[in-house]
């Protein structure tokens, strides 16, 4: 199935040269969870802090469906 993924900040490098927050089409097996997507993208688990699917915060066990829009953020510090 096809979903749309946006990686932000330091995670964007895992999708090649796509600018931060630019959606990239990703194909995953039907019935995949968000955690399985994170594994497929080879994102370091400790770098995945907040995940959104279709604008809602979800956990890694969330079951993805065709056409979902996923946003993944790393831990972000500020001062």
PDB file of N, CA and C in Angstrom:
ATOM      1  N   UNK A   1       0.838  -1.175   0.000  1.00  0.00           N
ATOM      2  CA  UNK A   1       0.000   0.000   0.000  1.00  0.00           C
ATOM      3  C   UNK A   1       0.882   1.237   0.000  1.00  0.00           C
ATOM      4  N   UNK A   2       0.279   2.351  -0.348  1.00  0.00           N
ATOM      5  CA  UNK A   2       1.015   3.599  -0.502  1.00  0.00           C
ATOM      6  C   UNK A   2       0.623   4.575   0.604  1.00  0.00           C
ATOM      7  N   UNK A   3       1.640   5.137   1.266  1.00  0.00           N
ATOM      8  CA  UNK A   3       1.420   6.170   2.278  1.00  0.00           C
ATOM      9  C   UNK A   3       2.365   7.328   1.976  1.00  0.00           C
ATOM     10  N   UNK A   4       2.147   8.433   2.677  1.00  0.00           N
ATOM     11  CA  UNK A   4       2.954   9.633   2.465  1.00  0.00           C
ATOM     12  C   UNK A   4       3.662   9.963   3.768  1.00  0.00           C
ATOM     13  N   UNK A   5       4.978  10.088   3.707  1.00  0.00           N
ATOM     14  CA  UNK A   5       5.790  10.251   4.909  1.00  0.00           C
ATOM     15  C   UNK A   5       6.525  11.584   4.865  1.00  0.00           C
ATOM     16  N   UNK A   6       6.477  12.299   5.996  1.00  0.00           N
ATOM     17  CA  UNK A   6       7.256  13.518   6.186  1.00  0.00           C
ATOM     18  C   UNK A   6       8.162  13.287   7.383  1.00  0.00           C
ATOM     19  N   UNK A   7       9.456  13.456   7.179  1.00  0.00           N
ATOM     20  CA  UNK A   7      10.417  13.376   8.275  1.00  0.00           C
ATOM     21  C   UNK A   7      10.927  14.781   8.553  1.00  0.00           C
ATOM     22  N   UNK A   8      11.067  15.108   9.828  1.00  0.00           N
ATOM     23  CA  UNK A   8      11.426  16.458  10.213  1.00  0.00           C
ATOM     24  C   UNK A   8      12.790  16.508  10.896  1.00  0.00           C
ATOM     25  N   UNK A   9      13.401  17.697  10.830  1.00  0.00           N
ATOM     26  CA  UNK A   9      14.681  17.993  11.492  1.00  0.00           C
ATOM     27  C   UNK A   9      15.748  16.975  11.064  1.00  0.00           C
ATOM     28  N   UNK A  10      16.428  16.374  12.019  1.00  0.00           N
ATOM     29  CA  UNK A  10      17.554  15.489  11.715  1.00  0.00           C
ATOM     30  C   UNK A  10      17.140  14.202  11.015  1.00  0.00           C
ATOM     31  N   UNK A  11      15.869  13.828  11.086  1.00  0.00           N
ATOM     32  CA  UNK A  11      15.420  12.585  10.455  1.00  0.00           C
ATOM     33  C   UNK A  11      15.298  12.694   8.942  1.00  0.00           C
ATOM     34  N   UNK A  12      15.209  13.912   8.412  1.00  0.00           N
ATOM     35  CA  UNK A  12      14.968  14.069   6.974  1.00  0.00           C
ATOM     36  C   UNK A  12      16.040  13.405   6.115  1.00  0.00           C
ATOM     37  N   UNK A  13      17.240  13.246   6.630  1.00  0.00           N
ATOM     38  CA  UNK A  13      18.313  12.644   5.840  1.00  0.00           C
ATOM     39  C   UNK A  13      18.033  11.176   5.506  1.00  0.00           C
ATOM     40  N   UNK A  14      17.124  10.544   6.234  1.00  0.00           N
ATOM     41  CA  UNK A  14      16.795   9.145   5.965  1.00  0.00           C
ATOM     42  C   UNK A  14      15.914   8.980   4.733  1.00  0.00           C
ATOM     43  N   UNK A  15      15.440  10.087   4.163  1.00  0.00           N
ATOM     44  CA  UNK A  15      14.669  10.035   2.922  1.00  0.00           C
ATOM     45  C   UNK A  15      15.438  10.671   1.772  1.00  0.00           C
ATOM     46  N   UNK A  16      16.750  10.694   1.860  1.00  0.00           N
ATOM     47  CA  UNK A  16      17.565  11.265   0.806  1.00  0.00           C
ATOM     48  C   UNK A  16      17.638  12.774   0.908  1.00  0.00           C
ATOM     49  N   UNK A  17      17.473  13.451  -0.209  1.00  0.00           N
ATOM     50  CA  UNK A  17      17.641  14.906  -0.256  1.00  0.00           C
ATOM     51  C   UNK A  17      16.347  15.675  -0.087  1.00  0.00           C
ATOM     52  N   UNK A  18      15.262  15.017   0.295  1.00  0.00           N
ATOM     53  CA  UNK A  18      13.980  15.710   0.458  1.00  0.00           C
ATOM     54  C   UNK A  18      14.092  16.740   1.584  1.00  0.00           C
ATOM     55  N   UNK A  19      13.634  17.969   1.338  1.00  0.00           N
ATOM     56  CA  UNK A  19      13.652  18.979   2.408  1.00  0.00           C
ATOM     57  C   UNK A  19      12.786  18.547   3.592  1.00  0.00           C
ATOM     58  N   UNK A  20      13.104  19.046   4.771  1.00  0.00           N
ATOM     59  CA  UNK A  20      12.357  18.727   5.981  1.00  0.00           C
ATOM     60  C   UNK A  20      10.874  19.025   5.778  1.00  0.00           C
ATOM     61  N   UNK A  21      10.026  18.046   6.103  1.00  0.00           N
ATOM     62  CA  UNK A  21       8.589  18.235   6.007  1.00  0.00           C
ATOM     63  C   UNK A  21       7.993  18.013   4.634  1.00  0.00           C
ATOM     64  N   UNK A  22       8.810  17.683   3.632  1.00  0.00           N
ATOM     65  CA  UNK A  22       8.306  17.400   2.297  1.00  0.00           C
ATOM     66  C   UNK A  22       7.805  15.970   2.251  1.00  0.00           C
ATOM     67  N   UNK A  23       6.564  15.733   1.804  1.00  0.00           N
ATOM     68  CA  UNK A  23       6.050  14.367   1.773  1.00  0.00           C
ATOM     69  C   UNK A  23       6.724  13.523   0.693  1.00  0.00           C
ATOM     70  N   UNK A  24       6.996  12.278   1.047  1.00  0.00           N
ATOM     71  CA  UNK A  24       7.575  11.312   0.128  1.00  0.00           C
ATOM     72  C   UNK A  24       6.667  10.090   0.125  1.00  0.00           C
ATOM     73  N   UNK A  25       6.374   9.571  -1.055  1.00  0.00           N
ATOM     74  CA  UNK A  25       5.545   8.377  -1.161  1.00  0.00           C
ATOM     75  C   UNK A  25       6.367   7.160  -0.783  1.00  0.00           C
ATOM     76  N   UNK A  26       5.818   6.334   0.106  1.00  0.00           N
ATOM     77  CA  UNK A  26       6.491   5.116   0.553  1.00  0.00           C
ATOM     78  C   UNK A  26       5.516   3.956   0.377  1.00  0.00           C
ATOM     79  N   UNK A  27       6.016   2.846  -0.138  1.00  0.00           N
ATOM     80  CA  UNK A  27       5.206   1.637  -0.288  1.00  0.00           C
ATOM     81  C   UNK A  27       5.540   0.682   0.850  1.00  0.00           C
ATOM     82  N   UNK A  28       4.507   0.223   1.541  1.00  0.00           N
ATOM     83  CA  UNK A  28       4.672  -0.716   2.649  1.00  0.00           C
ATOM     84  C   UNK A  28       3.656  -1.840   2.487  1.00  0.00           C
ATOM     85  N   UNK A  29       3.911  -2.992   3.090  1.00  0.00           N
ATOM     86  CA  UNK A  29       2.936  -4.081   3.014  1.00  0.00           C
ATOM     87  C   UNK A  29       1.627  -3.714   3.727  1.00  0.00           C
ATOM     88  N   UNK A  30       0.515  -4.169   3.197  1.00  0.00           N
ATOM     89  CA  UNK A  30      -0.777  -3.962   3.848  1.00  0.00           C
ATOM     90  C   UNK A  30      -0.723  -4.539   5.255  1.00  0.00           C
ATOM     91  N   UNK A  31      -1.350  -3.856   6.197  1.00  0.00           N
ATOM     92  CA  UNK A  31      -1.365  -4.316   7.581  1.00  0.00           C
ATOM     93  C   UNK A  31      -0.156  -3.908   8.394  1.00  0.00           C
ATOM     94  N   UNK A  32       0.688  -3.027   7.848  1.00  0.00           N
ATOM     95  CA  UNK A  32       1.888  -2.582   8.571  1.00  0.00           C
ATOM     96  C   UNK A  32       1.528  -1.593   9.664  1.00  0.00           C
ATOM     97  N   UNK A  33       2.307  -1.629  10.728  1.00  0.00           N
ATOM     98  CA  UNK A  33       2.164  -0.650  11.803  1.00  0.00           C
ATOM     99  C   UNK A  33       3.145   0.498  11.578  1.00  0.00           C
ATOM    100  N   UNK A  34       2.955   1.548  12.336  1.00  0.00           N
ATOM    101  CA  UNK A  34       3.880   2.673  12.292  1.00  0.00           C
ATOM    102  C   UNK A  34       5.285   2.219  12.689  1.00  0.00           C
ATOM    103  N   UNK A  35       5.391   1.349  13.675  1.00  0.00           N
ATOM    104  CA  UNK A  35       6.684   0.813  14.097  1.00  0.00           C
ATOM    105  C   UNK A  35       7.384   0.067  12.977  1.00  0.00           C
ATOM    106  N   UNK A  36       6.625  -0.694  12.196  1.00  0.00           N
ATOM    107  CA  UNK A  36       7.216  -1.408  11.063  1.00  0.00           C
ATOM    108  C   UNK A  36       7.683  -0.438   9.988  1.00  0.00           C
ATOM    109  N   UNK A  37       6.958   0.670   9.812  1.00  0.00           N
ATOM    110  CA  UNK A  37       7.409   1.709   8.883  1.00  0.00           C
ATOM    111  C   UNK A  37       8.729   2.296   9.352  1.00  0.00           C
ATOM    112  N   UNK A  38       8.831   2.599  10.653  1.00  0.00           N
ATOM    113  CA  UNK A  38      10.075   3.133  11.220  1.00  0.00           C
ATOM    114  C   UNK A  38      11.232   2.177  10.940  1.00  0.00           C
ATOM    115  N   UNK A  39      11.005   0.880  11.105  1.00  0.00           N
ATOM    116  CA  UNK A  39      12.037  -0.122  10.808  1.00  0.00           C
ATOM    117  C   UNK A  39      12.386  -0.125   9.329  1.00  0.00           C
ATOM    118  N   UNK A  40      11.375  -0.078   8.458  1.00  0.00           N
ATOM    119  CA  UNK A  40      11.609  -0.102   7.017  1.00  0.00           C
ATOM    120  C   UNK A  40      12.443   1.098   6.577  1.00  0.00           C
ATOM    121  N   UNK A  41      12.189   2.245   7.193  1.00  0.00           N
ATOM    122  CA  UNK A  41      12.945   3.458   6.848  1.00  0.00           C
ATOM    123  C   UNK A  41      14.318   3.495   7.511  1.00  0.00           C
ATOM    124  N   UNK A  42      14.596   2.501   8.364  1.00  0.00           N
ATOM    125  CA  UNK A  42      15.868   2.385   9.080  1.00  0.00           C
ATOM    126  C   UNK A  42      16.128   3.601   9.984  1.00  0.00           C
ATOM    127  N   UNK A  43      15.047   4.086  10.610  1.00  0.00           N
ATOM    128  CA  UNK A  43      15.179   5.190  11.556  1.00  0.00           C
ATOM    129  C   UNK A  43      15.629   4.639  12.903  1.00  0.00           C
ATOM    130  N   UNK A  44      16.614   5.248  13.548  1.00  0.00           N
ATOM    131  CA  UNK A  44      17.028   4.792  14.881  1.00  0.00           C
ATOM    132  C   UNK A  44      15.870   4.984  15.866  1.00  0.00           C
ATOM    133  N   UNK A  45      15.438   3.931  16.557  1.00  0.00           N
ATOM    134  CA  UNK A  45      14.291   4.040  17.470  1.00  0.00           C
ATOM    135  C   UNK A  45      14.430   5.165  18.494  1.00  0.00           C
ATOM    136  N   UNK A  46      15.647   5.404  18.964  1.00  0.00           N
ATOM    137  CA  UNK A  46      15.848   6.453  19.965  1.00  0.00           C
ATOM    138  C   UNK A  46      15.695   7.854  19.365  1.00  0.00           C
ATOM    139  N   UNK A  47      15.663   7.953  18.042  1.00  0.00           N
ATOM    140  CA  UNK A  47      15.502   9.244  17.374  1.00  0.00           C
ATOM    141  C   UNK A  47      14.052   9.525  16.968  1.00  0.00           C
ATOM    142  N   UNK A  48      13.151   8.590  17.243  1.00  0.00           N
ATOM    143  CA  UNK A  48      11.735   8.777  16.917  1.00  0.00           C
ATOM    144  C   UNK A  48      11.006   9.172  18.191  1.00  0.00           C
ATOM    145  N   UNK A  49      10.551  10.423  18.251  1.00  0.00           N
ATOM    146  CA  UNK A  49       9.944  10.929  19.485  1.00  0.00           C
ATOM    147  C   UNK A  49       8.429  11.102  19.365  1.00  0.00           C
ATOM    148  N   UNK A  50       7.982  11.844  18.358  1.00  0.00           N
ATOM    149  CA  UNK A  50       6.555  12.113  18.180  1.00  0.00           C
ATOM    150  C   UNK A  50       6.148  11.725  16.766  1.00  0.00           C
ATOM    151  N   UNK A  51       5.035  10.990  16.668  1.00  0.00           N
ATOM    152  CA  UNK A  51       4.539  10.559  15.371  1.00  0.00           C
ATOM    153  C   UNK A  51       3.088  10.992  15.200  1.00  0.00           C
ATOM    154  N   UNK A  52       2.796  11.503  14.031  1.00  0.00           N
ATOM    155  CA  UNK A  52       1.448  11.898  13.664  1.00  0.00           C
ATOM    156  C   UNK A  52       0.990  11.063  12.482  1.00  0.00           C
ATOM    157  N   UNK A  53      -0.268  10.665  12.485  1.00  0.00           N
ATOM    158  CA  UNK A  53      -0.886  10.076  11.302  1.00  0.00           C
ATOM    159  C   UNK A  53      -2.164  10.856  11.054  1.00  0.00           C
ATOM    160  N   UNK A  54      -2.254  11.439   9.875  1.00  0.00           N
ATOM    161  CA  UNK A  54      -3.404  12.258   9.495  1.00  0.00           C
ATOM    162  C   UNK A  54      -3.692  13.344  10.539  1.00  0.00           C
ATOM    163  N   UNK A  55      -2.610  13.942  11.064  1.00  0.00           N
ATOM    164  CA  UNK A  55      -2.730  15.061  11.981  1.00  0.00           C
ATOM    165  C   UNK A  55      -2.985  14.712  13.435  1.00  0.00           C
ATOM    166  N   UNK A  56      -2.986  13.420  13.777  1.00  0.00           N
ATOM    167  CA  UNK A  56      -3.224  13.000  15.161  1.00  0.00           C
ATOM    168  C   UNK A  56      -2.002  12.274  15.710  1.00  0.00           C
ATOM    169  N   UNK A  57      -1.628  12.563  16.956  1.00  0.00           N
ATOM    170  CA  UNK A  57      -0.506  11.870  17.590  1.00  0.00           C
ATOM    171  C   UNK A  57      -0.901  10.411  17.827  1.00  0.00           C
ATOM    172  N   UNK A  58      -0.014   9.501  17.423  1.00  0.00           N
ATOM    173  CA  UNK A  58      -0.266   8.068  17.583  1.00  0.00           C
ATOM    174  C   UNK A  58       0.984   7.377  18.114  1.00  0.00           C
ATOM    175  N   UNK A  59       0.798   6.153  18.572  1.00  0.00           N
ATOM    176  CA  UNK A  59       1.900   5.319  19.062  1.00  0.00           C
ATOM    177  C   UNK A  59       2.419   4.429  17.930  1.00  0.00           C
ATOM    178  N   UNK A  60       3.547   3.771  18.153  1.00  0.00           N
ATOM    179  CA  UNK A  60       4.172   2.946  17.119  1.00  0.00           C
ATOM    180  C   UNK A  60       3.370   1.705  16.763  1.00  0.00           C
ATOM    181  N   UNK A  61       2.408   1.312  17.600  1.00  0.00           N
ATOM    182  CA  UNK A  61       1.592   0.140  17.273  1.00  0.00           C
ATOM    183  C   UNK A  61       0.377   0.499  16.409  1.00  0.00           C
ATOM    184  N   UNK A  62       0.279   1.749  15.990  1.00  0.00           N
ATOM    185  CA  UNK A  62      -0.838   2.215  15.158  1.00  0.00           C
ATOM    186  C   UNK A  62      -0.815   1.491  13.813  1.00  0.00           C
ATOM    187  N   UNK A  63      -1.962   0.970  13.381  1.00  0.00           N
ATOM    188  CA  UNK A  63      -2.086   0.253  12.116  1.00  0.00           C
ATOM    189  C   UNK A  63      -2.318   1.249  10.981  1.00  0.00           C
ATOM    190  N   UNK A  64      -1.410   1.272  10.033  1.00  0.00           N
ATOM    191  CA  UNK A  64      -1.495   2.207   8.913  1.00  0.00           C
ATOM    192  C   UNK A  64      -2.453   1.694   7.845  1.00  0.00           C
ATOM    193  N   UNK A  65      -3.074   2.633   7.108  1.00  0.00           N
ATOM    194  CA  UNK A  65      -3.957   2.271   6.007  1.00  0.00           C
ATOM    195  C   UNK A  65      -3.573   3.058   4.762  1.00  0.00           C
ATOM    196  N   UNK A  66      -4.032   2.599   3.627  1.00  0.00           N
ATOM    197  CA  UNK A  66      -3.747   3.212   2.332  1.00  0.00           C
ATOM    198  C   UNK A  66      -4.001   4.717   2.378  1.00  0.00           C
ATOM    199  N   UNK A  67      -3.021   5.494   1.906  1.00  0.00           N
ATOM    200  CA  UNK A  67      -3.172   6.935   1.792  1.00  0.00           C
ATOM    201  C   UNK A  67      -2.901   7.733   3.054  1.00  0.00           C
ATOM    202  N   UNK A  68      -2.529   7.058   4.148  1.00  0.00           N
ATOM    203  CA  UNK A  68      -2.227   7.788   5.383  1.00  0.00           C
ATOM    204  C   UNK A  68      -1.088   8.775   5.157  1.00  0.00           C
ATOM    205  N   UNK A  69      -1.162   9.894   5.890  1.00  0.00           N
ATOM    206  CA  UNK A  69      -0.094  10.889   5.891  1.00  0.00           C
ATOM    207  C   UNK A  69       0.596  10.837   7.247  1.00  0.00           C
ATOM    208  N   UNK A  70       1.876  10.471   7.240  1.00  0.00           N
ATOM    209  CA  UNK A  70       2.648  10.239   8.457  1.00  0.00           C
ATOM    210  C   UNK A  70       3.694  11.337   8.617  1.00  0.00           C
ATOM    211  N   UNK A  71       3.803  11.876   9.825  1.00  0.00           N
ATOM    212  CA  UNK A  71       4.856  12.823  10.162  1.00  0.00           C
ATOM    213  C   UNK A  71       5.620  12.302  11.365  1.00  0.00           C
ATOM    214  N   UNK A  72       6.948  12.295  11.279  1.00  0.00           N
ATOM    215  CA  UNK A  72       7.778  11.764  12.365  1.00  0.00           C
ATOM    216  C   UNK A  72       8.806  12.824  12.756  1.00  0.00           C
ATOM    217  N   UNK A  73       8.854  13.085  14.072  1.00  0.00           N
ATOM    218  CA  UNK A  73       9.772  14.091  14.626  1.00  0.00           C
ATOM    219  C   UNK A  73      10.762  13.438  15.571  1.00  0.00           C
ATOM    220  N   UNK A  74      12.021  13.911  15.560  1.00  0.00           N
ATOM    221  CA  UNK A  74      12.996  13.467  16.558  1.00  0.00           C
ATOM    222  C   UNK A  74      12.821  14.273  17.840  1.00  0.00           C
ATOM    223  N   UNK A  75      13.546  13.889  18.903  1.00  0.00           N
ATOM    224  CA  UNK A  75      13.550  14.748  20.088  1.00  0.00           C
ATOM    225  C   UNK A  75      14.134  16.113  19.701  1.00  0.00           C
ATOM    226  N   UNK A  76      13.517  17.163  20.164  1.00  0.00           N
ATOM    227  CA  UNK A  76      13.970  18.503  19.810  1.00  0.00           C
ATOM    228  C   UNK A  76      14.210  19.282  21.100  1.00  0.00           C
ATOM    229  N   UNK A  77      15.378  19.893  21.202  1.00  0.00           N
ATOM    230  CA  UNK A  77      15.689  20.709  22.369  1.00  0.00           C
ATOM    231  C   UNK A  77      15.695  22.171  22.005  1.00  0.00           C
ATOM    232  N   UNK A  78      15.550  22.982  22.960  1.00  0.00           N
ATOM    233  CA  UNK A  78      15.580  24.413  22.691  1.00  0.00           C
ATOM    234  C   UNK A  78      16.084  25.157  23.928  1.00  0.00           C
ATOM    235  N   UNK A  79      16.217  26.405  23.763  1.00  0.00           N
ATOM    236  CA  UNK A  79      16.726  27.148  24.900  1.00  0.00           C
ATOM    237  C   UNK A  79      16.146  28.517  25.032  1.00  0.00           C
TER     238      UNK A  79
END
